[in-house]
Amino acid sequence: MEQIQIDTFDELIEFLRANDLTPSEVNEIIRLSLKAFYILDHTKDEMIEGLIDYWDKWKHTNERPPFIGLDLDV
């Protein structure tokens, strides 16, 4: 199996967009790389857009919420 090295967030987004991945595979890659994940079902494109929003909001801190796209402020 070929290993791929992803060093930046932009490379991660590029990899997710360029490869034919299931939402489950996208979620696993996000979980392994950022220690965050989706708990609700989304399409691959929705997951990527949500991940970009998540990163824009939380990239400056090490203490990020573990759940992406989950609004607990109800």
Protein backbone atom coordinates (compact mmCIF):
# COMPACT_ATOMS: atom_id res chain seq x y z
CA MET A 1 0.00 0.00 0.00
CA GLU A 2 1.31 3.41 -0.96
CA GLN A 3 1.83 5.94 1.79
CA ILE A 4 0.96 9.56 1.25
CA GLN A 5 2.36 12.37 3.34
CA ILE A 6 0.14 15.38 3.94
CA ASP A 7 1.88 18.26 5.67
CA THR A 8 -0.58 21.15 5.49
CA PHE A 9 -4.29 21.73 5.79
CA ASP A 10 -4.41 22.79 2.13
CA GLU A 11 -2.80 19.49 1.12
CA LEU A 12 -5.40 17.65 3.19
CA ILE A 13 -8.26 19.44 1.44
CA GLU A 14 -6.65 18.84 -1.96
CA PHE A 15 -6.28 15.12 -1.18
CA LEU A 16 -9.88 14.79 -0.01
CA ARG A 17 -11.20 16.54 -3.12
CA ALA A 18 -8.97 14.68 -5.59
CA ASN A 19 -9.69 11.14 -4.44
CA ASP A 20 -12.79 9.01 -4.79
CA LEU A 21 -13.51 8.56 -1.08
CA THR A 22 -16.65 7.58 0.76
CA PRO A 23 -17.90 9.84 3.56
CA SER A 24 -16.76 7.15 5.99
CA GLU A 25 -13.23 7.25 4.56
CA VAL A 26 -13.20 11.06 4.66
CA ASN A 27 -14.28 10.96 8.30
CA GLU A 28 -11.53 8.46 9.16
CA ILE A 29 -8.84 10.58 7.49
CA ILE A 30 -10.07 13.68 9.35
CA ARG A 31 -10.16 11.75 12.62
CA LEU A 32 -6.61 10.50 12.20
CA SER A 33 -5.16 13.80 11.04
CA LEU A 34 -6.99 16.35 13.18
CA LYS A 35 -8.42 14.27 16.04
CA ALA A 36 -11.88 15.53 15.10
CA PHE A 37 -14.77 13.89 13.30
CA TYR A 38 -18.36 14.05 12.15
CA ILE A 39 -21.06 12.28 14.15
CA LEU A 40 -23.87 13.12 11.72
CA ASP A 41 -24.20 11.90 8.14
CA HIS A 42 -22.99 14.26 5.40
CA THR A 43 -21.91 13.98 1.79
CA LYS A 44 -18.21 14.17 0.99
CA ASP A 45 -18.57 17.73 -0.34
CA GLU A 46 -20.51 18.84 2.76
CA MET A 47 -17.81 17.31 4.94
CA ILE A 48 -15.03 19.14 3.12
CA GLU A 49 -16.84 22.50 3.32
CA GLY A 50 -17.62 21.93 7.01
CA LEU A 51 -13.99 21.00 7.64
CA ILE A 52 -12.82 24.25 6.03
CA ASP A 53 -15.22 26.24 8.26
CA TYR A 54 -14.06 24.27 11.32
CA TRP A 55 -10.39 24.90 10.50
CA ASP A 56 -10.93 28.61 9.85
CA LYS A 57 -12.52 28.92 13.28
CA TRP A 58 -10.22 26.66 15.34
CA LYS A 59 -6.83 26.45 13.59
CA HIS A 60 -5.19 28.86 16.01
CA THR A 61 -5.69 26.70 19.08
CA ASN A 62 -4.72 23.20 20.17
CA GLU A 63 -7.92 22.79 22.18
CA ARG A 64 -10.42 22.23 19.38
CA PRO A 65 -13.86 20.67 19.71
CA PRO A 66 -13.80 17.01 18.66
CA PHE A 67 -17.03 17.20 16.66
CA ILE A 68 -17.20 18.97 13.30
CA GLY A 69 -20.44 20.57 12.17
CA LEU A 70 -22.21 20.07 15.47
CA ASP A 71 -23.72 23.24 16.88
CA LEU A 72 -24.24 22.83 20.60
CA ASP A 73 -25.35 26.43 21.06
CA VAL A 74 -29.09 25.82 20.84
